[in-house]
Amino acid sequence: MIKIAPDKWKHFYAGIVLGILLHAAALYLLHLPAVAAFFLALAAVVVIGYGFELFSLVTGLGHYDVMDAVATVIGGLPGIALCWLF
C-alpha cells in the first residue's frame, strides 16, 4: 500500500471544504442549475488549487509542488458531490 504524505492529506481536506463551499455558493447564491454549478465549482477548485501553488512558487512562501494542487482537486470532487446530494 502506498503511503500518502501528510501535507497531501491537508490539501485533500482543504479541497473537500473548497468543493462544498464553492458548489453551495454556485447553487444557492448564483441560482445556477446543478450541472452548471458543478462545473463552475470544479473550475474554481482547479484555479484556486493551482493558483495557490503558483503563489508559493512566485513569492517563495511555502513549497511549490504540483501534486499538492492535484490533491486539492481530488479532494474537491467528493466535496462537490457531497453538496450535490443536498
PDB file of N, CA and C in Angstrom:
ATOM      1  N   MET A   1       0.846  -1.181   0.000  1.00  0.00           N
ATOM      2  CA  MET A   1       0.000   0.000   0.000  1.00  0.00           C
ATOM      3  C   MET A   1       0.890   1.243   0.000  1.00  0.00           C
ATOM      4  N   ILE A   2       0.491   2.225  -0.776  1.00  0.00           N
ATOM      5  CA  ILE A   2       1.260   3.454  -0.904  1.00  0.00           C
ATOM      6  C   ILE A   2       0.920   4.382   0.263  1.00  0.00           C
ATOM      7  N   LYS A   3       1.964   4.911   0.898  1.00  0.00           N
ATOM      8  CA  LYS A   3       1.757   5.869   1.991  1.00  0.00           C
ATOM      9  C   LYS A   3       1.720   7.278   1.405  1.00  0.00           C
ATOM     10  N   ILE A   4       0.669   8.005   1.716  1.00  0.00           N
ATOM     11  CA  ILE A   4       0.493   9.361   1.200  1.00  0.00           C
ATOM     12  C   ILE A   4       1.005  10.344   2.246  1.00  0.00           C
ATOM     13  N   ALA A   5       1.775  11.320   1.792  1.00  0.00           N
ATOM     14  CA  ALA A   5       2.389  12.300   2.689  1.00  0.00           C
ATOM     15  C   ALA A   5       1.318  13.102   3.435  1.00  0.00           C
ATOM     16  N   PRO A   6       1.607  13.476   4.693  1.00  0.00           N
ATOM     17  CA  PRO A   6       0.613  14.218   5.488  1.00  0.00           C
ATOM     18  C   PRO A   6       0.185  15.547   4.860  1.00  0.00           C
ATOM     19  N   ASP A   7       1.098  16.231   4.179  1.00  0.00           N
ATOM     20  CA  ASP A   7       0.704  17.512   3.578  1.00  0.00           C
ATOM     21  C   ASP A   7      -0.271  17.311   2.427  1.00  0.00           C
ATOM     22  N   LYS A   8      -0.197  16.172   1.757  1.00  0.00           N
ATOM     23  CA  LYS A   8      -1.165  15.894   0.682  1.00  0.00           C
ATOM     24  C   LYS A   8      -2.558  15.692   1.267  1.00  0.00           C
ATOM     25  N   TRP A   9      -2.628  15.066   2.447  1.00  0.00           N
ATOM     26  CA  TRP A   9      -3.919  14.895   3.100  1.00  0.00           C
ATOM     27  C   TRP A   9      -4.507  16.243   3.489  1.00  0.00           C
ATOM     28  N   LYS A  10      -3.661  17.176   3.928  1.00  0.00           N
ATOM     29  CA  LYS A  10      -4.153  18.520   4.271  1.00  0.00           C
ATOM     30  C   LYS A  10      -4.748  19.204   3.047  1.00  0.00           C
ATOM     31  N   HIS A  11      -4.087  19.058   1.907  1.00  0.00           N
ATOM     32  CA  HIS A  11      -4.613  19.636   0.670  1.00  0.00           C
ATOM     33  C   HIS A  11      -5.903  18.933   0.255  1.00  0.00           C
ATOM     34  N   PHE A  12      -5.972  17.621   0.467  1.00  0.00           N
ATOM     35  CA  PHE A  12      -7.177  16.861   0.150  1.00  0.00           C
ATOM     36  C   PHE A  12      -8.358  17.370   0.976  1.00  0.00           C
ATOM     37  N   TYR A  13      -8.154  17.529   2.277  1.00  0.00           N
ATOM     38  CA  TYR A  13      -9.234  18.006   3.146  1.00  0.00           C
ATOM     39  C   TYR A  13      -9.615  19.453   2.825  1.00  0.00           C
ATOM     40  N   ALA A  14      -8.628  20.266   2.503  1.00  0.00           N
ATOM     41  CA  ALA A  14      -8.926  21.643   2.098  1.00  0.00           C
ATOM     42  C   ALA A  14      -9.745  21.650   0.806  1.00  0.00           C
ATOM     43  N   GLY A  15      -9.453  20.720  -0.103  1.00  0.00           N
ATOM     44  CA  GLY A  15     -10.220  20.606  -1.339  1.00  0.00           C
ATOM     45  C   GLY A  15     -11.664  20.229  -1.082  1.00  0.00           C
ATOM     46  N   ILE A  16     -11.891  19.358  -0.100  1.00  0.00           N
ATOM     47  CA  ILE A  16     -13.263  18.986   0.250  1.00  0.00           C
ATOM     48  C   ILE A  16     -14.039  20.218   0.713  1.00  0.00           C
ATOM     49  N   VAL A  17     -13.422  20.991   1.595  1.00  0.00           N
ATOM     50  CA  VAL A  17     -14.084  22.204   2.100  1.00  0.00           C
ATOM     51  C   VAL A  17     -14.334  23.191   0.959  1.00  0.00           C
ATOM     52  N   LEU A  18     -13.326  23.381   0.104  1.00  0.00           N
ATOM     53  CA  LEU A  18     -13.499  24.280  -1.045  1.00  0.00           C
ATOM     54  C   LEU A  18     -14.635  23.804  -1.942  1.00  0.00           C
ATOM     55  N   GLY A  19     -14.676  22.509  -2.223  1.00  0.00           N
ATOM     56  CA  GLY A  19     -15.722  21.964  -3.083  1.00  0.00           C
ATOM     57  C   GLY A  19     -17.109  22.202  -2.529  1.00  0.00           C
ATOM     58  N   ILE A  20     -17.269  21.963  -1.227  1.00  0.00           N
ATOM     59  CA  ILE A  20     -18.573  22.175  -0.594  1.00  0.00           C
ATOM     60  C   ILE A  20     -18.973  23.649  -0.657  1.00  0.00           C
ATOM     61  N   LEU A  21     -18.055  24.518  -0.261  1.00  0.00           N
ATOM     62  CA  LEU A  21     -18.379  25.949  -0.216  1.00  0.00           C
ATOM     63  C   LEU A  21     -18.641  26.532  -1.601  1.00  0.00           C
ATOM     64  N   LEU A  22     -17.801  26.178  -2.563  1.00  0.00           N
ATOM     65  CA  LEU A  22     -17.960  26.744  -3.904  1.00  0.00           C
ATOM     66  C   LEU A  22     -19.203  26.209  -4.607  1.00  0.00           C
ATOM     67  N   HIS A  23     -19.493  24.924  -4.427  1.00  0.00           N
ATOM     68  CA  HIS A  23     -20.683  24.366  -5.063  1.00  0.00           C
ATOM     69  C   HIS A  23     -21.947  24.918  -4.407  1.00  0.00           C
ATOM     70  N   ALA A  24     -21.926  25.042  -3.085  1.00  0.00           N
ATOM     71  CA  ALA A  24     -23.085  25.619  -2.396  1.00  0.00           C
ATOM     72  C   ALA A  24     -23.303  27.067  -2.821  1.00  0.00           C
ATOM     73  N   ALA A  25     -22.224  27.818  -2.960  1.00  0.00           N
ATOM     74  CA  ALA A  25     -22.349  29.210  -3.397  1.00  0.00           C
ATOM     75  C   ALA A  25     -22.912  29.290  -4.808  1.00  0.00           C
ATOM     76  N   ALA A  26     -22.450  28.407  -5.687  1.00  0.00           N
ATOM     77  CA  ALA A  26     -22.947  28.426  -7.064  1.00  0.00           C
ATOM     78  C   ALA A  26     -24.420  28.025  -7.123  1.00  0.00           C
ATOM     79  N   LEU A  27     -24.811  27.085  -6.272  1.00  0.00           N
ATOM     80  CA  LEU A  27     -26.204  26.633  -6.285  1.00  0.00           C
ATOM     81  C   LEU A  27     -27.150  27.645  -5.649  1.00  0.00           C
ATOM     82  N   TYR A  28     -26.797  28.115  -4.468  1.00  0.00           N
ATOM     83  CA  TYR A  28     -27.748  28.896  -3.679  1.00  0.00           C
ATOM     84  C   TYR A  28     -27.603  30.405  -3.836  1.00  0.00           C
ATOM     85  N   LEU A  29     -26.404  30.874  -4.100  1.00  0.00           N
ATOM     86  CA  LEU A  29     -26.225  32.318  -4.259  1.00  0.00           C
ATOM     87  C   LEU A  29     -26.365  32.759  -5.708  1.00  0.00           C
ATOM     88  N   LEU A  30     -25.840  31.951  -6.628  1.00  0.00           N
ATOM     89  CA  LEU A  30     -25.933  32.305  -8.045  1.00  0.00           C
ATOM     90  C   LEU A  30     -27.149  31.690  -8.725  1.00  0.00           C
ATOM     91  N   HIS A  31     -27.835  30.768  -8.034  1.00  0.00           N
ATOM     92  CA  HIS A  31     -29.036  30.101  -8.553  1.00  0.00           C
ATOM     93  C   HIS A  31     -28.780  29.421  -9.899  1.00  0.00           C
ATOM     94  N   LEU A  32     -27.642  28.746  -9.998  1.00  0.00           N
ATOM     95  CA  LEU A  32     -27.311  28.025 -11.223  1.00  0.00           C
ATOM     96  C   LEU A  32     -27.909  26.624 -11.182  1.00  0.00           C
ATOM     97  N   PRO A  33     -28.178  26.031 -12.342  1.00  0.00           N
ATOM     98  CA  PRO A  33     -28.581  24.626 -12.366  1.00  0.00           C
ATOM     99  C   PRO A  33     -27.453  23.754 -11.811  1.00  0.00           C
ATOM    100  N   ALA A  34     -27.793  22.552 -11.381  1.00  0.00           N
ATOM    101  CA  ALA A  34     -26.835  21.685 -10.694  1.00  0.00           C
ATOM    102  C   ALA A  34     -25.605  21.376 -11.544  1.00  0.00           C
ATOM    103  N   VAL A  35     -25.802  21.095 -12.815  1.00  0.00           N
ATOM    104  CA  VAL A  35     -24.663  20.737 -13.674  1.00  0.00           C
ATOM    105  C   VAL A  35     -23.753  21.943 -13.894  1.00  0.00           C
ATOM    106  N   ALA A  36     -24.330  23.095 -14.133  1.00  0.00           N
ATOM    107  CA  ALA A  36     -23.524  24.305 -14.321  1.00  0.00           C
ATOM    108  C   ALA A  36     -22.781  24.662 -13.037  1.00  0.00           C
ATOM    109  N   ALA A  37     -23.439  24.499 -11.896  1.00  0.00           N
ATOM    110  CA  ALA A  37     -22.795  24.780 -10.612  1.00  0.00           C
ATOM    111  C   ALA A  37     -21.653  23.810 -10.364  1.00  0.00           C
ATOM    112  N   PHE A  38     -21.826  22.547 -10.773  1.00  0.00           N
ATOM    113  CA  PHE A  38     -20.764  21.547 -10.625  1.00  0.00           C
ATOM    114  C   PHE A  38     -19.519  21.968 -11.394  1.00  0.00           C
ATOM    115  N   PHE A  39     -19.703  22.318 -12.657  1.00  0.00           N
ATOM    116  CA  PHE A  39     -18.544  22.673 -13.480  1.00  0.00           C
ATOM    117  C   PHE A  39     -17.912  23.996 -13.044  1.00  0.00           C
ATOM    118  N   LEU A  40     -18.718  24.940 -12.604  1.00  0.00           N
ATOM    119  CA  LEU A  40     -18.167  26.196 -12.101  1.00  0.00           C
ATOM    120  C   LEU A  40     -17.355  25.958 -10.826  1.00  0.00           C
ATOM    121  N   ALA A  41     -17.885  25.145  -9.920  1.00  0.00           N
ATOM    122  CA  ALA A  41     -17.166  24.837  -8.681  1.00  0.00           C
ATOM    123  C   ALA A  41     -15.897  24.052  -8.973  1.00  0.00           C
ATOM    124  N   LEU A  42     -15.952  23.113  -9.901  1.00  0.00           N
ATOM    125  CA  LEU A  42     -14.763  22.338 -10.262  1.00  0.00           C
ATOM    126  C   LEU A  42     -13.693  23.243 -10.857  1.00  0.00           C
ATOM    127  N   ALA A  43     -14.095  24.135 -11.747  1.00  0.00           N
ATOM    128  CA  ALA A  43     -13.129  25.066 -12.339  1.00  0.00           C
ATOM    129  C   ALA A  43     -12.523  25.967 -11.267  1.00  0.00           C
ATOM    130  N   ALA A  44     -13.339  26.409 -10.327  1.00  0.00           N
ATOM    131  CA  ALA A  44     -12.832  27.270  -9.257  1.00  0.00           C
ATOM    132  C   ALA A  44     -11.866  26.518  -8.349  1.00  0.00           C
ATOM    133  N   VAL A  45     -12.144  25.253  -8.052  1.00  0.00           N
ATOM    134  CA  VAL A  45     -11.230  24.449  -7.228  1.00  0.00           C
ATOM    135  C   VAL A  45      -9.897  24.274  -7.944  1.00  0.00           C
ATOM    136  N   VAL A  46      -9.934  24.026  -9.251  1.00  0.00           N
ATOM    137  CA  VAL A  46      -8.692  23.874 -10.018  1.00  0.00           C
ATOM    138  C   VAL A  46      -7.900  25.181  -9.999  1.00  0.00           C
ATOM    139  N   VAL A  47      -8.570  26.291 -10.247  1.00  0.00           N
ATOM    140  CA  VAL A  47      -7.887  27.591 -10.276  1.00  0.00           C
ATOM    141  C   VAL A  47      -7.314  27.936  -8.904  1.00  0.00           C
ATOM    142  N   ILE A  48      -8.070  27.727  -7.854  1.00  0.00           N
ATOM    143  CA  ILE A  48      -7.590  28.047  -6.508  1.00  0.00           C
ATOM    144  C   ILE A  48      -6.453  27.115  -6.106  1.00  0.00           C
ATOM    145  N   GLY A  49      -6.598  25.817  -6.372  1.00  0.00           N
ATOM    146  CA  GLY A  49      -5.554  24.861  -6.003  1.00  0.00           C
ATOM    147  C   GLY A  49      -4.241  25.134  -6.707  1.00  0.00           C
ATOM    148  N   TYR A  50      -4.287  25.312  -8.008  1.00  0.00           N
ATOM    149  CA  TYR A  50      -3.053  25.570  -8.742  1.00  0.00           C
ATOM    150  C   TYR A  50      -2.574  27.000  -8.528  1.00  0.00           C
ATOM    151  N   GLY A  51      -3.497  27.930  -8.361  1.00  0.00           N
ATOM    152  CA  GLY A  51      -3.111  29.315  -8.091  1.00  0.00           C
ATOM    153  C   GLY A  51      -2.354  29.450  -6.789  1.00  0.00           C
ATOM    154  N   PHE A  52      -2.746  28.699  -5.788  1.00  0.00           N
ATOM    155  CA  PHE A  52      -2.024  28.722  -4.517  1.00  0.00           C
ATOM    156  C   PHE A  52      -0.603  28.197  -4.695  1.00  0.00           C
ATOM    157  N   GLU A  53      -0.445  27.158  -5.503  1.00  0.00           N
ATOM    158  CA  GLU A  53       0.899  26.622  -5.758  1.00  0.00           C
ATOM    159  C   GLU A  53       1.739  27.612  -6.564  1.00  0.00           C
ATOM    160  N   LEU A  54       1.137  28.290  -7.523  1.00  0.00           N
ATOM    161  CA  LEU A  54       1.871  29.320  -8.264  1.00  0.00           C
ATOM    162  C   LEU A  54       2.268  30.471  -7.348  1.00  0.00           C
ATOM    163  N   PHE A  55       1.397  30.827  -6.423  1.00  0.00           N
ATOM    164  CA  PHE A  55       1.726  31.864  -5.448  1.00  0.00           C
ATOM    165  C   PHE A  55       2.935  31.445  -4.610  1.00  0.00           C
ATOM    166  N   SER A  56       2.966  30.176  -4.203  1.00  0.00           N
ATOM    167  CA  SER A  56       4.109  29.667  -3.437  1.00  0.00           C
ATOM    168  C   SER A  56       5.385  29.719  -4.257  1.00  0.00           C
ATOM    169  N   LEU A  57       5.296  29.422  -5.534  1.00  0.00           N
ATOM    170  CA  LEU A  57       6.467  29.435  -6.412  1.00  0.00           C
ATOM    171  C   LEU A  57       6.985  30.854  -6.619  1.00  0.00           C
ATOM    172  N   VAL A  58       6.092  31.784  -6.893  1.00  0.00           N
ATOM    173  CA  VAL A  58       6.494  33.151  -7.225  1.00  0.00           C
ATOM    174  C   VAL A  58       7.029  33.894  -6.000  1.00  0.00           C
ATOM    175  N   THR A  59       6.357  33.748  -4.874  1.00  0.00           N
ATOM    176  CA  THR A  59       6.747  34.515  -3.692  1.00  0.00           C
ATOM    177  C   THR A  59       7.823  33.837  -2.860  1.00  0.00           C
ATOM    178  N   GLY A  60       7.990  32.537  -3.027  1.00  0.00           N
ATOM    179  CA  GLY A  60       8.942  31.809  -2.193  1.00  0.00           C
ATOM    180  C   GLY A  60       8.390  31.477  -0.822  1.00  0.00           C
ATOM    181  N   LEU A  61       7.149  31.833  -0.566  1.00  0.00           N
ATOM    182  CA  LEU A  61       6.497  31.486   0.693  1.00  0.00           C
ATOM    183  C   LEU A  61       5.869  30.108   0.539  1.00  0.00           C
ATOM    184  N   GLY A  62       6.370  29.148   1.243  1.00  0.00           N
ATOM    185  CA  GLY A  62       5.855  27.795   1.120  1.00  0.00           C
ATOM    186  C   GLY A  62       6.667  26.983   0.140  1.00  0.00           C
ATOM    187  N   HIS A  63       6.157  25.796  -0.146  1.00  0.00           N
ATOM    188  CA  HIS A  63       6.863  24.851  -1.004  1.00  0.00           C
ATOM    189  C   HIS A  63       6.002  24.570  -2.231  1.00  0.00           C
ATOM    190  N   TYR A  64       6.566  24.771  -3.415  1.00  0.00           N
ATOM    191  CA  TYR A  64       5.831  24.545  -4.665  1.00  0.00           C
ATOM    192  C   TYR A  64       5.845  23.059  -4.991  1.00  0.00           C
ATOM    193  N   ASP A  65       4.671  22.473  -5.154  1.00  0.00           N
ATOM    194  CA  ASP A  65       4.553  21.071  -5.546  1.00  0.00           C
ATOM    195  C   ASP A  65       3.230  20.908  -6.296  1.00  0.00           C
ATOM    196  N   VAL A  66       3.322  20.500  -7.542  1.00  0.00           N
ATOM    197  CA  VAL A  66       2.118  20.349  -8.367  1.00  0.00           C
ATOM    198  C   VAL A  66       1.190  19.287  -7.784  1.00  0.00           C
ATOM    199  N   MET A  67       1.759  18.274  -7.140  1.00  0.00           N
ATOM    200  CA  MET A  67       0.921  17.221  -6.566  1.00  0.00           C
ATOM    201  C   MET A  67       0.035  17.751  -5.432  1.00  0.00           C
ATOM    202  N   ASP A  68       0.432  18.847  -4.800  1.00  0.00           N
ATOM    203  CA  ASP A  68      -0.448  19.476  -3.812  1.00  0.00           C
ATOM    204  C   ASP A  68      -1.709  20.003  -4.492  1.00  0.00           C
ATOM    205  N   ALA A  69      -1.551  20.599  -5.657  1.00  0.00           N
ATOM    206  CA  ALA A  69      -2.710  21.085  -6.410  1.00  0.00           C
ATOM    207  C   ALA A  69      -3.586  19.920  -6.859  1.00  0.00           C
ATOM    208  N   VAL A  70      -2.954  18.830  -7.263  1.00  0.00           N
ATOM    209  CA  VAL A  70      -3.711  17.640  -7.672  1.00  0.00           C
ATOM    210  C   VAL A  70      -4.503  17.097  -6.483  1.00  0.00           C
ATOM    211  N   ALA A  71      -3.881  17.057  -5.305  1.00  0.00           N
ATOM    212  CA  ALA A  71      -4.576  16.581  -4.104  1.00  0.00           C
ATOM    213  C   ALA A  71      -5.754  17.489  -3.762  1.00  0.00           C
ATOM    214  N   THR A  72      -5.600  18.781  -3.964  1.00  0.00           N
ATOM    215  CA  THR A  72      -6.693  19.720  -3.704  1.00  0.00           C
ATOM    216  C   THR A  72      -7.862  19.460  -4.652  1.00  0.00           C
ATOM    217  N   VAL A  73      -7.568  19.245  -5.923  1.00  0.00           N
ATOM    218  CA  VAL A  73      -8.629  18.990  -6.906  1.00  0.00           C
ATOM    219  C   VAL A  73      -9.304  17.650  -6.629  1.00  0.00           C
ATOM    220  N   ILE A  74      -8.520  16.634  -6.296  1.00  0.00           N
ATOM    221  CA  ILE A  74      -9.106  15.328  -5.979  1.00  0.00           C
ATOM    222  C   ILE A  74      -9.997  15.437  -4.745  1.00  0.00           C
ATOM    223  N   GLY A  75      -9.598  16.241  -3.769  1.00  0.00           N
ATOM    224  CA  GLY A  75     -10.438  16.469  -2.602  1.00  0.00           C
ATOM    225  C   GLY A  75     -11.679  17.277  -2.929  1.00  0.00           C
ATOM    226  N   GLY A  76     -11.576  18.153  -3.902  1.00  0.00           N
ATOM    227  CA  GLY A  76     -12.726  18.964  -4.278  1.00  0.00           C
ATOM    228  C   GLY A  76     -13.859  18.155  -4.879  1.00  0.00           C
ATOM    229  N   LEU A  77     -13.533  17.067  -5.545  1.00  0.00           N
ATOM    230  CA  LEU A  77     -14.575  16.253  -6.184  1.00  0.00           C
ATOM    231  C   LEU A  77     -15.558  15.648  -5.181  1.00  0.00           C
ATOM    232  N   PRO A  78     -15.096  14.974  -4.114  1.00  0.00           N
ATOM    233  CA  PRO A  78     -16.097  14.488  -3.150  1.00  0.00           C
ATOM    234  C   PRO A  78     -16.810  15.622  -2.417  1.00  0.00           C
ATOM    235  N   GLY A  79     -16.139  16.754  -2.239  1.00  0.00           N
ATOM    236  CA  GLY A  79     -16.806  17.899  -1.621  1.00  0.00           C
ATOM    237  C   GLY A  79     -17.954  18.403  -2.471  1.00  0.00           C
ATOM    238  N   ILE A  80     -17.716  18.496  -3.767  1.00  0.00           N
ATOM    239  CA  ILE A  80     -18.773  18.921  -4.688  1.00  0.00           C
ATOM    240  C   ILE A  80     -19.892  17.886  -4.703  1.00  0.00           C
ATOM    241  N   ALA A  81     -19.527  16.604  -4.694  1.00  0.00           N
ATOM    242  CA  ALA A  81     -20.531  15.540  -4.706  1.00  0.00           C
ATOM    243  C   ALA A  81     -21.371  15.560  -3.427  1.00  0.00           C
ATOM    244  N   LEU A  82     -20.731  15.816  -2.286  1.00  0.00           N
ATOM    245  CA  LEU A  82     -21.480  15.899  -1.025  1.00  0.00           C
ATOM    246  C   LEU A  82     -22.501  17.024  -1.072  1.00  0.00           C
ATOM    247  N   CYS A  83     -22.107  18.144  -1.607  1.00  0.00           N
ATOM    248  CA  CYS A  83     -23.021  19.279  -1.700  1.00  0.00           C
ATOM    249  C   CYS A  83     -24.154  18.980  -2.680  1.00  0.00           C
ATOM    250  N   TRP A  84     -23.860  18.223  -3.729  1.00  0.00           N
ATOM    251  CA  TRP A  84     -24.866  17.907  -4.744  1.00  0.00           C
ATOM    252  C   TRP A  84     -25.994  17.047  -4.151  1.00  0.00           C
ATOM    253  N   LEU A  85     -25.684  16.271  -3.117  1.00  0.00           N
ATOM    254  CA  LEU A  85     -26.696  15.409  -2.510  1.00  0.00           C
ATOM    255  C   LEU A  85     -27.793  16.198  -1.803  1.00  0.00           C
ATOM    256  N   PHE A  86     -27.472  17.414  -1.411  1.00  0.00           N
ATOM    257  CA  PHE A  86     -28.445  18.208  -0.670  1.00  0.00           C
ATOM    258  C   PHE A  86     -28.928  19.312  -1.542  1.00  0.00           C
TER     259      PHE A  86
END
